[in-house]
Amino acid sequence: MTLLLLAAPLTEAAPKWQEVADRIAQTVDQAVTVYEGGDYEGARDLVNAAYYGIYEKEGLESVMRSSVSAKETSLTEYQFYKIKKSMKNGESMDVVKQEAEKLKSMVNDNVKAL
């Protein structure tokens, strides 16, 4: 019976983290669209919103750090930085999209590992 009680929260947690990952992906996609429109600062603000307002605030960062690994969490954080850096440097849409897709993939892979 104890096993069933322990298993239930784990199965309930998975959809929550996928929802968080989906919101991060949507916000990053929005940032790419804003960047494409020429608003580089607005695009970086949206990436910050995905990082600080969703990834950190919703707790995905800390869960990943304790459940996946500190290394994967650090690499994911660095990918947020790489998107903002590519936007700040005025990189091509191809580069910005590539960095965004890499981040979304990393977040999804980490959520699947939870």
Protein backbone atom coordinates (compact mmCIF):
# COMPACT_ATOMS: atom_id res chain seq x y z
CA MET A 1 0.00 0.00 0.00
CA THR A 2 2.85 2.39 0.74
CA LEU A 3 4.21 1.80 -2.75
CA LEU A 4 0.92 2.88 -4.29
CA LEU A 5 0.90 6.08 -2.25
CA LEU A 6 4.46 6.84 -3.31
CA ALA A 7 3.81 6.04 -6.97
CA ALA A 8 0.76 8.28 -7.26
CA PRO A 9 2.56 11.62 -6.71
CA LEU A 10 5.26 10.64 -9.20
CA THR A 11 2.75 9.96 -11.96
CA GLU A 12 0.92 13.16 -11.15
CA ALA A 13 4.15 15.19 -11.24
CA ALA A 14 5.12 14.26 -14.80
CA PRO A 15 2.32 16.17 -16.54
CA LYS A 16 3.05 19.26 -14.43
CA TRP A 17 6.66 19.36 -15.56
CA GLN A 18 5.66 18.78 -19.17
CA GLU A 19 3.25 21.72 -18.88
CA VAL A 20 6.10 23.87 -17.55
CA ALA A 21 8.35 22.72 -20.42
CA ASP A 22 5.57 23.53 -22.90
CA ARG A 23 5.19 27.06 -21.47
CA ILE A 24 8.95 27.57 -21.73
CA ALA A 25 8.82 26.40 -25.38
CA GLN A 26 5.91 28.74 -26.16
CA THR A 27 7.69 31.71 -24.59
CA VAL A 28 10.93 30.93 -26.42
CA ASP A 29 9.01 30.60 -29.70
CA GLN A 30 7.41 33.97 -28.97
CA ALA A 31 10.89 35.43 -28.38
CA VAL A 32 12.06 34.12 -31.75
CA THR A 33 9.04 35.70 -33.45
CA VAL A 34 9.68 39.04 -31.72
CA TYR A 35 13.36 38.83 -32.72
CA GLU A 36 12.34 38.18 -36.32
CA GLY A 37 10.26 41.37 -36.14
CA GLY A 38 13.38 43.33 -35.20
CA ASP A 39 12.71 43.89 -31.49
CA TYR A 40 15.93 42.40 -30.15
CA GLU A 41 15.49 43.76 -26.63
CA GLY A 42 11.90 42.53 -26.43
CA ALA A 43 13.03 39.11 -27.61
CA ARG A 44 15.70 38.92 -24.91
CA ASP A 45 13.12 40.03 -22.33
CA LEU A 46 10.94 37.08 -23.35
CA VAL A 47 13.87 34.67 -22.98
CA ASN A 48 14.42 36.14 -19.50
CA ALA A 49 10.72 35.61 -18.77
CA ALA A 50 11.06 31.95 -19.81
CA TYR A 51 14.09 31.54 -17.58
CA TYR A 52 13.24 33.56 -14.48
CA GLY A 53 9.45 33.52 -14.67
CA ILE A 54 8.94 29.89 -15.63
CA TYR A 55 12.08 27.72 -15.41
CA GLU A 56 13.20 29.06 -12.03
CA LYS A 57 9.95 30.30 -10.49
CA GLU A 58 7.94 27.16 -11.28
CA GLY A 59 10.69 25.02 -9.74
CA LEU A 60 11.82 23.07 -12.80
CA GLU A 61 15.42 24.18 -12.33
CA SER A 62 15.66 22.84 -8.77
CA VAL A 63 13.87 19.60 -9.62
CA MET A 64 16.22 19.02 -12.55
CA ARG A 65 19.25 19.78 -10.40
CA SER A 66 18.23 17.21 -7.78
CA SER A 67 16.61 14.59 -10.03
CA VAL A 68 18.57 14.72 -13.30
CA SER A 69 21.98 16.28 -12.61
CA ALA A 70 23.66 19.53 -11.77
CA LYS A 71 25.63 19.27 -15.00
CA GLU A 72 22.52 18.99 -17.21
CA THR A 73 20.91 21.84 -15.31
CA SER A 74 23.98 24.03 -15.84
CA LEU A 75 24.08 23.18 -19.54
CA THR A 76 20.39 24.09 -19.85
CA GLU A 77 20.97 27.40 -18.06
CA TYR A 78 23.88 28.11 -20.38
CA GLN A 79 21.61 27.48 -23.37
CA PHE A 80 19.25 30.22 -22.18
CA TYR A 81 22.31 32.50 -22.12
CA LYS A 82 23.36 31.41 -25.62
CA ILE A 83 19.98 32.40 -27.07
CA LYS A 84 20.16 35.84 -25.48
CA LYS A 85 23.76 36.27 -26.62
CA SER A 86 22.87 35.37 -30.22
CA MET A 87 20.04 37.91 -30.09
CA LYS A 88 22.26 40.59 -28.55
CA ASN A 89 24.86 40.01 -31.26
CA GLY A 90 22.25 40.34 -34.02
CA GLU A 91 22.79 36.81 -35.30
CA SER A 92 20.81 35.50 -38.26
CA MET A 93 17.36 33.98 -37.76
CA ASP A 94 18.84 30.56 -38.54
CA VAL A 95 21.29 30.83 -35.64
CA VAL A 96 18.66 32.16 -33.21
CA LYS A 97 16.19 29.44 -34.22
CA GLN A 98 18.88 26.77 -33.88
CA GLU A 99 19.73 27.93 -30.34
CA ALA A 100 16.03 28.08 -29.43
CA GLU A 101 15.37 24.57 -30.76
CA LYS A 102 18.36 23.25 -28.85
CA LEU A 103 17.05 24.75 -25.61
CA LYS A 104 13.55 23.35 -26.11
CA SER A 105 15.01 19.93 -26.82
CA MET A 106 17.21 20.07 -23.72
CA VAL A 107 14.29 21.05 -21.48
CA ASN A 108 12.08 18.31 -22.93
CA ASP A 109 14.78 15.67 -22.60
CA ASN A 110 15.34 16.64 -18.97
CA VAL A 111 11.62 16.58 -18.21
CA LYS A 112 11.38 13.09 -19.69
CA ALA A 113 14.23 12.03 -17.38
CA LEU A 114 12.29 13.17 -14.27
